[in-house]
Protein backbone atom coordinates (compact mmCIF):
# COMPACT_ATOMS: atom_id res chain seq x y z
CA MET A 1 -3.81 5.95 18.28
CA ASP A 2 -7.28 6.03 16.81
CA LYS A 3 -8.80 2.94 16.70
CA ASN A 4 -12.00 2.36 14.41
CA LYS A 5 -13.72 -1.01 13.93
CA LEU A 6 -16.73 -1.51 11.19
CA ASP A 7 -18.33 -5.00 10.75
CA ASN A 8 -14.67 -6.59 10.15
CA LEU A 9 -12.70 -3.09 9.00
CA LYS A 10 -10.12 -2.23 11.82
CA ILE A 11 -8.59 1.15 11.48
CA VAL A 12 -6.07 2.21 13.58
CA THR A 13 -4.25 6.16 13.17
CA TYR A 14 -1.06 7.37 14.17
CA ASN A 15 -1.77 11.27 14.09
CA THR A 16 2.15 12.60 14.97
CA ASP A 17 4.17 15.78 13.46
CA LYS A 18 7.08 13.91 14.28
CA PHE A 19 7.79 12.49 10.61
CA LYS A 20 7.82 13.84 6.87
CA THR A 21 6.74 10.80 5.23
CA THR A 22 3.71 9.17 5.62
CA LYS A 23 2.84 5.44 5.64
CA LEU A 24 0.19 3.63 4.81
CA SER A 25 0.02 0.02 5.86
CA ILE A 26 -3.54 -2.45 4.48
CA TYR A 27 -3.84 -6.02 5.98
CA PHE A 28 -5.95 -8.39 4.39
CA THR A 29 -6.43 -11.22 6.76
CA LEU A 30 -7.84 -15.05 6.52
CA LYS A 31 -7.19 -18.35 8.17
CA SER A 32 -4.34 -20.57 6.08
CA ASP A 33 -5.79 -22.67 3.52
CA GLU A 34 -3.51 -24.77 1.49
CA ARG A 35 -5.50 -24.44 -1.21
CA ASN A 36 -5.42 -20.39 -1.44
CA PHE A 37 -1.10 -20.12 -1.39
CA ALA A 38 -0.39 -19.96 -4.48
CA LYS A 39 -3.22 -17.32 -5.02
CA MET A 40 -2.08 -15.42 -2.74
CA ALA A 41 1.43 -15.19 -4.37
CA MET A 42 0.10 -14.59 -7.41
CA LEU A 43 -2.13 -11.51 -6.05
CA SER A 44 1.04 -10.44 -3.96
CA GLU A 45 3.06 -10.40 -7.15
CA LEU A 46 0.31 -8.85 -9.65
CA LEU A 47 0.01 -6.02 -7.28
CA GLY A 48 2.96 -5.40 -6.88
CA ASN A 49 4.54 -5.34 -10.37
CA ALA A 50 1.85 -3.63 -12.47
CA THR A 51 -1.46 -1.53 -12.19
CA GLU A 52 -4.24 -1.14 -14.92
CA LYS A 53 -2.84 3.30 -16.16
CA TYR A 54 1.38 1.11 -15.32
CA ILE A 55 1.87 -1.86 -17.38
CA SER A 56 4.95 -2.68 -16.42
CA GLU A 57 7.27 -3.26 -12.92
CA THR A 58 9.62 -0.31 -14.77
CA GLU A 59 6.70 2.24 -15.34
CA VAL A 60 5.69 1.75 -11.85
CA SER A 61 8.95 2.67 -10.52
CA ARG A 62 8.83 5.63 -12.98
CA GLN A 63 5.63 7.29 -11.76
CA LEU A 64 6.59 6.29 -8.06
CA SER A 65 10.06 8.34 -8.65
CA ARG A 66 8.08 10.96 -10.12
CA MET A 67 5.80 11.13 -6.79
CA PHE A 68 9.30 12.21 -4.89
CA GLY A 69 10.13 8.63 -3.99
CA ALA A 70 7.03 7.38 -2.86
CA SER A 71 6.97 3.60 -2.46
CA PHE A 72 4.46 0.55 -2.30
CA GLY A 73 5.19 -2.81 -1.14
CA VAL A 74 2.73 -6.01 -1.41
CA THR A 75 3.80 -9.02 1.07
CA VAL A 76 2.45 -12.38 1.79
CA LEU A 77 2.96 -13.36 5.76
CA ARG A 78 2.04 -16.07 8.05
CA TYR A 79 1.72 -15.71 11.40
CA GLY A 80 0.29 -19.47 12.88
CA ASP A 81 -3.10 -20.45 11.14
CA ILE A 82 -3.05 -16.75 9.23
CA HIS A 83 -2.58 -15.45 6.32
CA THR A 84 -2.02 -11.92 5.80
CA LEU A 85 -1.60 -9.90 2.36
CA ARG A 86 -0.12 -6.40 3.35
CA VAL A 87 0.07 -3.48 1.54
CA ASN A 88 3.00 -0.73 2.77
CA ILE A 89 2.70 2.21 0.70
CA SER A 90 4.88 5.06 1.78
CA PHE A 91 4.68 8.52 0.07
CA PRO A 92 6.28 12.49 1.92
CA ASN A 93 3.56 14.96 3.75
CA ASP A 94 2.30 17.29 1.07
CA LYS A 95 3.31 20.32 3.08
CA TYR A 96 6.88 19.46 2.85
CA LEU A 97 7.02 19.50 -1.06
CA PRO A 98 7.13 22.59 -3.61
CA ASP A 99 4.49 24.07 -4.90
CA ASN A 100 1.63 22.58 -3.28
CA GLN A 101 2.41 18.71 -4.66
CA HIS A 102 -0.20 16.77 -3.54
CA VAL A 103 1.29 13.08 -3.36
CA VAL A 104 -2.05 11.43 -1.92
CA LEU A 105 -4.21 12.60 -5.07
CA LYS A 106 -2.00 11.30 -7.17
CA LEU A 107 -1.47 7.65 -5.49
CA SER A 108 -5.63 8.28 -5.23
CA THR A 109 -5.18 7.74 -9.44
CA PHE A 110 -2.03 5.70 -9.39
CA TRP A 111 -4.28 2.09 -9.76
CA MET A 112 -7.04 2.78 -12.29
CA LYS A 113 -6.63 5.25 -15.73
């Protein structure tokens, strides 16, 4: 496990060859404030259901399916007085895909045209 910290950004990586799937989890945390509850829930829905490039949940699902079953989800969590917006992204390791497909490259352009 590697840990890096830059200002308010903390990056933790677990390097292993055990699994055929790569998982990224991104956590945005802030102190709980009743004014932010609805905003966090709305942001979670917007991020999870559409992108600039794929404007409906169906199109998002189809594109993820084309990427060998890649997936992503956005959730709002509360731990005590901390709110967290969690983004999970899973995709197969490129070395297990046919014809040197690069899912990571496709995911990098997933949210933008």
